[in-house]
Amino acid sequence: MIKADNAVILAGGAGARFAPLSYEKPKGLIEVKGEPMIERQIRQLKEAGIKQIYLVTGYKQEQLNYLAKKEGVDLIANPGYAMQNSAASIWLAWDVIKNSFICAADNYFLHNPFKQGLKTKAATMPPSTAPDQAANGASSLTKRASSSR
């Protein structure tokens, strides 16, 4: 198991699948069992030891601003949310993404999945091969990412 460095929660979409509930508020603020989905997810991340949480906002972002003070999350605004998709939100958070959980604000988990940490292909390989393959994969990913910027 690899411990995640942080989490990025994508909360910028208009939530068309949640209509008409999302007409008045962002989909992450829709309550399930008396608790906004996004607050539950933040709580579960914190219970798993994730201290740094980034929230990428867009649609009705002013309604999510309270989470910075209440939960200590860092907000990243996506001003182009209406014309872009989640990939644009991930791009805005690119500099903070490391060994990160990348979550959608409208996910509801009965049990805390974040306590399991990150599982990677390298983590499940025999010890004699994992470091070489993990290093090769990381370096080629880094080269592709830096060349595309």
Protein backbone atom coordinates (compact mmCIF):
# COMPACT_ATOMS: atom_id res chain seq x y z
CA MET A 1 0.00 0.00 0.00
CA ILE A 2 1.20 3.49 -0.85
CA LYS A 3 -0.02 6.41 1.23
CA ALA A 4 -1.52 9.24 -0.79
CA ASP A 5 0.10 12.65 -0.47
CA ASN A 6 -3.13 14.57 -0.97
CA ALA A 7 -6.52 14.52 -2.63
CA VAL A 8 -8.07 16.53 -5.45
CA ILE A 9 -11.86 16.66 -5.49
CA LEU A 10 -13.46 17.70 -8.77
CA ALA A 11 -16.50 19.81 -7.91
CA GLY A 12 -16.82 22.10 -10.92
CA GLY A 13 -19.47 20.41 -13.04
CA ALA A 14 -23.07 21.57 -13.29
CA GLY A 15 -24.41 18.14 -12.34
CA ALA A 16 -26.89 17.68 -15.18
CA ARG A 17 -27.53 14.07 -14.08
CA PHE A 18 -28.73 15.41 -10.72
CA ALA A 19 -31.32 17.78 -12.22
CA PRO A 20 -33.51 19.23 -10.82
CA LEU A 21 -31.63 18.88 -7.50
CA SER A 22 -28.54 20.59 -8.95
CA TYR A 23 -30.43 23.65 -10.20
CA GLU A 24 -30.03 25.33 -6.82
CA LYS A 25 -26.65 24.04 -5.65
CA PRO A 26 -23.55 22.15 -6.77
CA LYS A 27 -24.04 18.40 -6.93
CA GLY A 28 -21.52 17.79 -4.11
CA LEU A 29 -23.77 19.73 -1.74
CA ILE A 30 -26.73 17.43 -2.32
CA GLU A 31 -27.42 15.66 0.95
CA VAL A 32 -27.55 11.93 1.43
CA LYS A 33 -28.68 10.75 4.86
CA GLY A 34 -28.56 14.35 6.12
CA GLU A 35 -24.96 15.07 5.06
CA PRO A 36 -23.66 16.81 1.93
CA MET A 37 -21.80 14.26 -0.20
CA ILE A 38 -18.70 16.44 -0.45
CA GLU A 39 -18.47 16.93 3.32
CA ARG A 40 -18.71 13.17 3.82
CA GLN A 41 -15.93 12.60 1.30
CA ILE A 42 -13.69 15.23 2.95
CA ARG A 43 -14.32 13.62 6.33
CA GLN A 44 -13.45 10.18 4.97
CA LEU A 45 -10.25 11.51 3.42
CA LYS A 46 -9.24 13.09 6.73
CA GLU A 47 -10.05 9.88 8.62
CA ALA A 48 -7.64 8.12 6.24
CA GLY A 49 -4.89 10.58 7.18
CA ILE A 50 -5.09 12.84 4.12
CA LYS A 51 -4.32 16.32 5.40
CA GLN A 52 -4.02 18.27 2.14
CA ILE A 53 -7.24 18.41 0.13
CA TYR A 54 -7.77 20.51 -2.97
CA LEU A 55 -11.23 21.31 -4.29
CA VAL A 56 -11.58 22.33 -7.95
CA THR A 57 -14.73 24.44 -8.24
CA GLY A 58 -16.75 25.93 -11.07
CA TYR A 59 -20.55 25.77 -11.12
CA LYS A 60 -22.01 27.81 -8.23
CA GLN A 61 -18.52 27.91 -6.70
CA GLU A 62 -19.51 30.59 -4.18
CA GLN A 63 -21.61 27.95 -2.39
CA LEU A 64 -18.50 25.80 -1.89
CA ASN A 65 -16.24 28.57 -0.57
CA TYR A 66 -17.25 27.84 3.06
CA LEU A 67 -15.33 24.56 2.85
CA ALA A 68 -12.01 26.44 2.86
CA LYS A 69 -12.68 27.74 6.35
CA LYS A 70 -14.79 24.89 7.74
CA GLU A 71 -12.72 21.98 6.42
CA GLY A 72 -9.37 23.62 5.61
CA VAL A 73 -9.43 22.65 1.94
CA ASP A 74 -7.64 24.67 -0.72
CA LEU A 75 -9.86 25.96 -3.51
CA ILE A 76 -8.86 25.98 -7.18
CA ALA A 77 -11.31 27.82 -9.43
CA ASN A 78 -12.11 26.62 -12.94
CA PRO A 79 -13.59 29.70 -14.64
CA GLY A 80 -14.17 27.75 -17.86
CA TYR A 81 -16.18 24.93 -16.28
CA ALA A 82 -19.24 25.58 -18.46
CA MET A 83 -17.32 24.91 -21.69
CA GLN A 84 -14.73 22.41 -20.41
CA ASN A 85 -14.84 19.00 -18.80
CA SER A 86 -13.13 17.29 -15.87
CA ALA A 87 -9.87 17.06 -17.79
CA ALA A 88 -9.60 20.86 -17.65
CA SER A 89 -10.15 20.77 -13.89
CA ILE A 90 -7.41 18.15 -13.52
CA TRP A 91 -5.11 20.33 -15.62
CA LEU A 92 -5.73 23.28 -13.26
CA ALA A 93 -4.70 21.07 -10.33
CA TRP A 94 -1.73 19.57 -12.20
CA ASP A 95 0.92 21.17 -9.98
CA VAL A 96 -0.48 19.59 -6.79
CA ILE A 97 -1.13 16.11 -8.19
CA LYS A 98 1.45 13.62 -6.90
CA ASN A 99 0.41 10.35 -5.30
CA SER A 100 -3.09 11.74 -5.14
CA PHE A 101 -6.62 10.55 -4.77
CA ILE A 102 -8.59 12.19 -7.58
CA CYS A 103 -12.25 12.16 -6.65
CA ALA A 104 -15.58 13.42 -7.93
CA ALA A 105 -17.59 15.54 -5.50
CA ASP A 106 -20.71 13.48 -6.12
CA ASN A 107 -19.30 10.12 -5.05
CA TYR A 108 -20.93 8.60 -1.99
CA PHE A 109 -19.09 5.80 -0.23
CA LEU A 110 -20.81 3.73 2.47
CA HIS A 111 -17.41 2.59 3.74
CA ASN A 112 -14.23 4.63 3.65
CA PRO A 113 -12.26 3.50 0.56
CA PHE A 114 -9.39 5.92 1.26
CA LYS A 115 -8.15 3.97 4.27
CA GLN A 116 -6.84 1.35 1.83
CA GLY A 117 -4.31 3.82 0.37
CA LEU A 118 -3.19 3.77 -3.24
CA LYS A 119 -2.63 0.46 -4.93
CA THR A 120 -0.36 0.42 -7.95
CA LYS A 121 0.84 -2.21 -10.34
CA ALA A 122 4.38 -1.75 -8.96
CA ALA A 123 3.11 -2.32 -5.42
CA THR A 124 1.77 -5.75 -6.39
CA MET A 125 4.87 -6.91 -8.29
CA PRO A 126 7.56 -9.10 -6.77
CA PRO A 127 10.13 -6.95 -4.90
CA SER A 128 12.92 -7.78 -7.36
CA THR A 129 11.08 -6.14 -10.31
CA ALA A 130 8.92 -3.42 -8.75
CA PRO A 131 11.52 -0.64 -8.26
CA ASP A 132 12.91 -0.84 -11.81
CA GLN A 133 9.50 -0.90 -13.45
CA ALA A 134 8.12 1.81 -11.17
CA ALA A 135 11.12 4.04 -11.88
CA ASN A 136 10.92 3.46 -15.64
CA GLY A 137 7.20 4.18 -15.67
CA ALA A 138 7.60 7.32 -13.58
CA SER A 139 10.43 8.71 -15.68
CA SER A 140 8.61 8.15 -18.97
CA LEU A 141 5.45 9.71 -17.54
CA THR A 142 7.45 12.70 -16.30
CA LYS A 143 9.06 13.12 -19.73
CA ARG A 144 5.68 13.02 -21.48
CA ALA A 145 4.13 15.46 -19.00
CA SER A 146 7.00 17.96 -19.15
CA SER A 147 7.17 17.83 -22.95
CA SER A 148 3.45 18.55 -23.26
CA ARG A 149 3.55 21.70 -21.14
